[in-house]
Amino acid sequence: MDIYNTFKVAMEITELAKKYDLEETGNSSPEEIQSRNFAKELDVIHDKLLYLGKFSKEDVLEKEAVNTVSVTGLPSYSKLIVYYVYEDEQMALVEDTAMNLHLIPLEIVKFNE
């Protein structure tokens, strides 16, 4: 698996889903309902691509960690949940406290003891 491309595509799907995820109002039009349903379907594809949520693999870690060095969009020593470690690429799929996903170098991940 090319985790770099997979992650990039998953993030593009997330951005697309945000465009269609309209806030629910009491009297939604059929177009608004269809738009929200489309956003939900995009979220499912996102989770399938990254093996998250109900599509998690057996080797999902869900371990707490911090990053020892800042990377784009992620200050150093941010609290993280590590979902997967990709040994071949030396990368880790992590989530920050704002629930944003990041693909970061494994060498900067420090697991909590």
N, C-alpha and C. Protein backbone atom coordinates (compact mmCIF):
# COMPACT_ATOMS: atom_id res chain seq x y z
N MET A 1 0.84 -1.17 0.00
CA MET A 1 0.00 0.00 0.00
C MET A 1 0.89 1.24 0.00
N ASP A 2 0.54 2.21 -0.80
CA ASP A 2 1.23 3.50 -0.80
C ASP A 2 0.53 4.40 0.21
N ILE A 3 0.99 4.38 1.45
CA ILE A 3 0.31 5.10 2.53
C ILE A 3 0.29 6.60 2.30
N TYR A 4 1.29 7.13 1.64
CA TYR A 4 1.31 8.57 1.37
C TYR A 4 0.13 8.98 0.48
N ASN A 5 -0.05 8.26 -0.61
CA ASN A 5 -1.15 8.57 -1.52
C ASN A 5 -2.49 8.25 -0.88
N THR A 6 -2.58 7.15 -0.17
CA THR A 6 -3.82 6.79 0.50
C THR A 6 -4.24 7.87 1.48
N PHE A 7 -3.29 8.36 2.27
CA PHE A 7 -3.58 9.41 3.24
C PHE A 7 -4.01 10.69 2.52
N LYS A 8 -3.33 11.04 1.45
CA LYS A 8 -3.67 12.25 0.69
C LYS A 8 -5.10 12.15 0.15
N VAL A 9 -5.46 11.03 -0.42
CA VAL A 9 -6.80 10.84 -0.96
C VAL A 9 -7.84 10.88 0.16
N ALA A 10 -7.54 10.27 1.28
CA ALA A 10 -8.47 10.28 2.42
C ALA A 10 -8.72 11.70 2.91
N MET A 11 -7.68 12.53 2.93
CA MET A 11 -7.84 13.92 3.37
C MET A 11 -8.64 14.72 2.34
N GLU A 12 -8.49 14.42 1.06
CA GLU A 12 -9.29 15.07 0.03
C GLU A 12 -10.76 14.69 0.18
N ILE A 13 -11.03 13.45 0.54
CA ILE A 13 -12.40 12.99 0.76
C ILE A 13 -12.99 13.73 1.97
N THR A 14 -12.19 13.92 3.01
CA THR A 14 -12.65 14.64 4.19
C THR A 14 -13.05 16.07 3.83
N GLU A 15 -12.23 16.74 3.05
CA GLU A 15 -12.54 18.11 2.63
C GLU A 15 -13.81 18.16 1.79
N LEU A 16 -13.97 17.20 0.91
CA LEU A 16 -15.18 17.13 0.09
C LEU A 16 -16.40 16.89 0.95
N ALA A 17 -16.30 16.01 1.92
CA ALA A 17 -17.42 15.72 2.82
C ALA A 17 -17.82 16.96 3.60
N LYS A 18 -16.85 17.77 4.01
CA LYS A 18 -17.15 19.00 4.75
C LYS A 18 -18.00 19.95 3.91
N LYS A 19 -17.77 19.97 2.61
CA LYS A 19 -18.54 20.85 1.72
C LYS A 19 -20.01 20.44 1.68
N TYR A 20 -20.28 19.15 1.81
CA TYR A 20 -21.64 18.65 1.69
C TYR A 20 -22.33 18.41 3.03
N ASP A 21 -21.59 18.55 4.12
CA ASP A 21 -22.16 18.27 5.44
C ASP A 21 -22.82 19.53 5.98
N LEU A 22 -24.06 19.74 5.58
CA LEU A 22 -24.82 20.91 6.00
C LEU A 22 -25.37 20.71 7.40
N GLU A 23 -25.45 21.79 8.13
CA GLU A 23 -26.02 21.71 9.47
C GLU A 23 -27.51 21.39 9.35
N GLU A 24 -27.96 20.47 10.17
CA GLU A 24 -29.35 20.05 10.10
C GLU A 24 -30.26 21.12 10.69
N THR A 25 -31.32 21.42 9.95
CA THR A 25 -32.32 22.36 10.42
C THR A 25 -33.62 21.60 10.60
N GLY A 26 -34.53 22.18 11.28
CA GLY A 26 -35.80 21.51 11.56
C GLY A 26 -36.56 21.10 10.32
N ASN A 27 -36.55 21.92 9.29
CA ASN A 27 -37.30 21.61 8.07
C ASN A 27 -36.33 21.59 6.88
N SER A 28 -35.62 20.49 6.77
CA SER A 28 -34.61 20.34 5.71
C SER A 28 -35.27 20.05 4.37
N SER A 29 -34.70 20.64 3.34
CA SER A 29 -35.18 20.36 1.99
C SER A 29 -34.62 19.01 1.54
N PRO A 30 -35.22 18.42 0.52
CA PRO A 30 -34.69 17.15 0.00
C PRO A 30 -33.21 17.28 -0.43
N GLU A 31 -32.82 18.44 -0.96
CA GLU A 31 -31.43 18.65 -1.38
C GLU A 31 -30.49 18.64 -0.18
N GLU A 32 -30.92 19.26 0.93
CA GLU A 32 -30.09 19.28 2.14
C GLU A 32 -29.93 17.88 2.71
N ILE A 33 -31.00 17.11 2.71
CA ILE A 33 -30.95 15.74 3.22
C ILE A 33 -30.02 14.90 2.34
N GLN A 34 -30.13 15.05 1.02
CA GLN A 34 -29.27 14.32 0.09
C GLN A 34 -27.81 14.72 0.28
N SER A 35 -27.56 15.98 0.51
CA SER A 35 -26.20 16.47 0.72
C SER A 35 -25.59 15.87 1.99
N ARG A 36 -26.37 15.85 3.07
CA ARG A 36 -25.88 15.26 4.33
C ARG A 36 -25.62 13.77 4.16
N ASN A 37 -26.49 13.08 3.44
CA ASN A 37 -26.29 11.64 3.20
C ASN A 37 -25.02 11.40 2.39
N PHE A 38 -24.76 12.25 1.40
CA PHE A 38 -23.55 12.15 0.60
C PHE A 38 -22.32 12.33 1.48
N ALA A 39 -22.36 13.31 2.38
CA ALA A 39 -21.23 13.54 3.29
C ALA A 39 -20.98 12.32 4.17
N LYS A 40 -22.05 11.69 4.64
CA LYS A 40 -21.90 10.48 5.47
C LYS A 40 -21.26 9.35 4.68
N GLU A 41 -21.66 9.21 3.40
CA GLU A 41 -21.08 8.17 2.55
C GLU A 41 -19.59 8.44 2.31
N LEU A 42 -19.23 9.70 2.15
CA LEU A 42 -17.81 10.05 1.98
C LEU A 42 -17.02 9.71 3.25
N ASP A 43 -17.62 9.95 4.41
CA ASP A 43 -16.96 9.61 5.67
C ASP A 43 -16.69 8.11 5.77
N VAL A 44 -17.62 7.30 5.28
CA VAL A 44 -17.44 5.84 5.30
C VAL A 44 -16.27 5.45 4.40
N ILE A 45 -16.20 6.06 3.21
CA ILE A 45 -15.08 5.76 2.30
C ILE A 45 -13.75 6.16 2.96
N HIS A 46 -13.73 7.30 3.61
CA HIS A 46 -12.53 7.77 4.32
C HIS A 46 -12.08 6.72 5.35
N ASP A 47 -13.02 6.25 6.16
CA ASP A 47 -12.69 5.27 7.18
C ASP A 47 -12.23 3.95 6.58
N LYS A 48 -12.82 3.55 5.46
CA LYS A 48 -12.39 2.32 4.79
C LYS A 48 -10.95 2.44 4.29
N LEU A 49 -10.63 3.58 3.70
CA LEU A 49 -9.28 3.80 3.16
C LEU A 49 -8.22 3.70 4.25
N LEU A 50 -8.51 4.30 5.41
CA LEU A 50 -7.51 4.36 6.48
C LEU A 50 -7.73 3.30 7.56
N TYR A 51 -8.69 2.41 7.34
CA TYR A 51 -9.00 1.33 8.29
C TYR A 51 -9.30 1.89 9.68
N LEU A 52 -10.24 2.83 9.72
CA LEU A 52 -10.62 3.45 10.99
C LEU A 52 -12.06 3.09 11.33
N GLY A 53 -12.45 3.37 12.57
CA GLY A 53 -13.81 3.12 13.00
C GLY A 53 -14.16 1.65 12.89
N LYS A 54 -15.33 1.38 12.33
CA LYS A 54 -15.78 -0.01 12.23
C LYS A 54 -14.98 -0.81 11.21
N PHE A 55 -14.09 -0.15 10.47
CA PHE A 55 -13.24 -0.82 9.48
C PHE A 55 -11.83 -1.08 10.01
N SER A 56 -11.63 -0.88 11.30
CA SER A 56 -10.30 -1.07 11.90
C SER A 56 -9.82 -2.50 11.72
N LYS A 57 -8.53 -2.62 11.54
CA LYS A 57 -7.90 -3.94 11.45
C LYS A 57 -7.56 -4.42 12.85
N GLU A 58 -7.19 -5.67 12.93
CA GLU A 58 -6.80 -6.24 14.22
C GLU A 58 -5.58 -5.57 14.81
N ASP A 59 -4.69 -5.04 13.95
CA ASP A 59 -3.45 -4.46 14.45
C ASP A 59 -3.54 -2.96 14.76
N VAL A 60 -4.78 -2.44 14.87
CA VAL A 60 -4.93 -1.04 15.26
C VAL A 60 -4.37 -0.87 16.68
N LEU A 61 -3.55 0.16 16.89
CA LEU A 61 -2.87 0.33 18.17
C LEU A 61 -3.70 1.08 19.20
N GLU A 62 -4.18 2.27 18.83
CA GLU A 62 -4.89 3.17 19.73
C GLU A 62 -4.10 3.40 21.01
N LYS A 63 -2.80 3.75 20.85
CA LYS A 63 -1.93 4.03 21.99
C LYS A 63 -1.66 5.52 22.07
N GLU A 64 -1.54 6.02 23.30
CA GLU A 64 -1.25 7.43 23.52
C GLU A 64 0.23 7.70 23.30
N ALA A 65 0.51 8.88 22.72
CA ALA A 65 1.89 9.26 22.43
C ALA A 65 1.97 10.78 22.30
N VAL A 66 3.18 11.26 22.08
CA VAL A 66 3.43 12.66 21.73
C VAL A 66 4.41 12.68 20.58
N ASN A 67 4.45 13.79 19.87
CA ASN A 67 5.47 13.97 18.84
C ASN A 67 6.57 14.85 19.41
N THR A 68 7.80 14.43 19.28
CA THR A 68 8.92 15.14 19.90
C THR A 68 9.38 16.34 19.10
N VAL A 69 8.94 16.45 17.86
CA VAL A 69 9.31 17.55 16.97
C VAL A 69 8.05 18.05 16.30
N SER A 70 7.95 19.36 16.07
CA SER A 70 6.77 19.88 15.39
C SER A 70 6.83 19.51 13.90
N VAL A 71 5.67 19.23 13.36
CA VAL A 71 5.51 18.96 11.93
C VAL A 71 4.34 19.81 11.46
N THR A 72 4.17 19.94 10.18
CA THR A 72 3.13 20.79 9.62
C THR A 72 1.78 20.57 10.31
N GLY A 73 1.27 21.61 10.92
CA GLY A 73 -0.03 21.55 11.57
C GLY A 73 -0.06 20.85 12.91
N LEU A 74 1.10 20.52 13.43
CA LEU A 74 1.15 19.77 14.68
C LEU A 74 2.33 20.23 15.53
N PRO A 75 2.07 21.06 16.55
CA PRO A 75 3.17 21.53 17.41
C PRO A 75 3.84 20.37 18.14
N SER A 76 5.09 20.56 18.52
CA SER A 76 5.79 19.50 19.25
C SER A 76 5.10 19.23 20.58
N TYR A 77 5.22 18.01 21.01
CA TYR A 77 4.65 17.49 22.25
C TYR A 77 3.13 17.62 22.31
N SER A 78 2.49 17.44 21.16
CA SER A 78 1.03 17.37 21.11
C SER A 78 0.59 15.99 21.59
N LYS A 79 -0.52 15.95 22.30
CA LYS A 79 -1.08 14.66 22.70
C LYS A 79 -1.66 13.98 21.46
N LEU A 80 -1.34 12.72 21.28
CA LEU A 80 -1.75 11.98 20.10
C LEU A 80 -2.30 10.61 20.46
N ILE A 81 -3.11 10.09 19.58
CA ILE A 81 -3.49 8.68 19.60
C ILE A 81 -2.89 8.08 18.33
N VAL A 82 -2.08 7.05 18.49
CA VAL A 82 -1.46 6.38 17.35
C VAL A 82 -2.36 5.21 16.96
N TYR A 83 -2.83 5.25 15.71
CA TYR A 83 -3.69 4.18 15.22
C TYR A 83 -2.89 3.09 14.53
N TYR A 84 -2.01 3.49 13.63
CA TYR A 84 -1.22 2.50 12.89
C TYR A 84 0.22 2.97 12.75
N VAL A 85 1.13 2.00 12.73
CA VAL A 85 2.54 2.24 12.45
C VAL A 85 2.84 1.50 11.15
N TYR A 86 3.40 2.22 10.20
CA TYR A 86 3.78 1.64 8.91
C TYR A 86 5.29 1.49 8.91
N GLU A 87 5.76 0.32 9.31
CA GLU A 87 7.19 0.07 9.48
C GLU A 87 7.98 0.29 8.19
N ASP A 88 7.46 -0.20 7.07
CA ASP A 88 8.20 -0.08 5.81
C ASP A 88 8.45 1.37 5.44
N GLU A 89 7.46 2.24 5.68
CA GLU A 89 7.59 3.65 5.34
C GLU A 89 8.13 4.49 6.50
N GLN A 90 8.22 3.87 7.69
CA GLN A 90 8.64 4.56 8.91
C GLN A 90 7.74 5.75 9.22
N MET A 91 6.42 5.53 9.11
CA MET A 91 5.42 6.55 9.35
C MET A 91 4.38 6.03 10.33
N ALA A 92 3.64 6.98 10.95
CA ALA A 92 2.57 6.61 11.88
C ALA A 92 1.34 7.44 11.56
N LEU A 93 0.18 6.79 11.61
CA LEU A 93 -1.09 7.49 11.45
C LEU A 93 -1.57 7.84 12.84
N VAL A 94 -1.70 9.15 13.10
CA VAL A 94 -2.06 9.61 14.44
C VAL A 94 -3.22 10.59 14.38
N GLU A 95 -3.88 10.76 15.53
CA GLU A 95 -4.96 11.73 15.66
C GLU A 95 -4.61 12.66 16.80
N ASP A 96 -4.79 13.97 16.60
CA ASP A 96 -4.51 14.94 17.67
C ASP A 96 -5.78 15.17 18.50
N THR A 97 -5.69 16.04 19.49
CA THR A 97 -6.82 16.27 20.39
C THR A 97 -7.99 16.97 19.71
N ALA A 98 -7.75 17.60 18.55
CA ALA A 98 -8.83 18.22 17.78
C ALA A 98 -9.47 17.21 16.81
N MET A 99 -9.05 15.96 16.91
CA MET A 99 -9.55 14.86 16.09
C MET A 99 -9.14 14.98 14.63
N ASN A 100 -8.02 15.64 14.37
CA ASN A 100 -7.45 15.73 13.02
C ASN A 100 -6.43 14.61 12.85
N LEU A 101 -6.44 14.00 11.69
CA LEU A 101 -5.49 12.93 11.40
C LEU A 101 -4.23 13.49 10.77
N HIS A 102 -3.10 12.86 11.10
CA HIS A 102 -1.80 13.25 10.57
C HIS A 102 -1.01 12.00 10.25
N LEU A 103 -0.21 12.06 9.23
CA LEU A 103 0.75 11.00 8.89
C LEU A 103 2.11 11.59 9.19
N ILE A 104 2.76 11.08 10.24
CA ILE A 104 4.01 11.69 10.69
C ILE A 104 5.13 10.64 10.75
N PRO A 105 6.39 11.12 10.71
CA PRO A 105 7.52 10.18 10.80
C PRO A 105 7.51 9.42 12.13
N LEU A 106 7.72 8.15 12.05
CA LEU A 106 7.74 7.30 13.23
C LEU A 106 8.83 7.71 14.22
N GLU A 107 9.93 8.23 13.71
CA GLU A 107 11.06 8.59 14.58
C GLU A 107 10.73 9.73 15.55
N ILE A 108 9.68 10.50 15.30
CA ILE A 108 9.35 11.60 16.22
C ILE A 108 8.21 11.22 17.18
N VAL A 109 7.73 9.98 17.10
CA VAL A 109 6.65 9.52 17.98
C VAL A 109 7.25 8.92 19.24
N LYS A 110 6.80 9.45 20.38
CA LYS A 110 7.23 8.91 21.68
C LYS A 110 5.99 8.40 22.38
N PHE A 111 5.94 7.07 22.55
CA PHE A 111 4.78 6.45 23.20
C PHE A 111 4.81 6.71 24.70
N ASN A 112 3.61 6.96 25.27
CA ASN A 112 3.51 7.13 26.72
C ASN A 112 3.70 5.78 27.39
N GLU A 113 4.33 5.83 28.53
CA GLU A 113 4.61 4.56 29.25
C GLU A 113 3.57 4.28 30.28
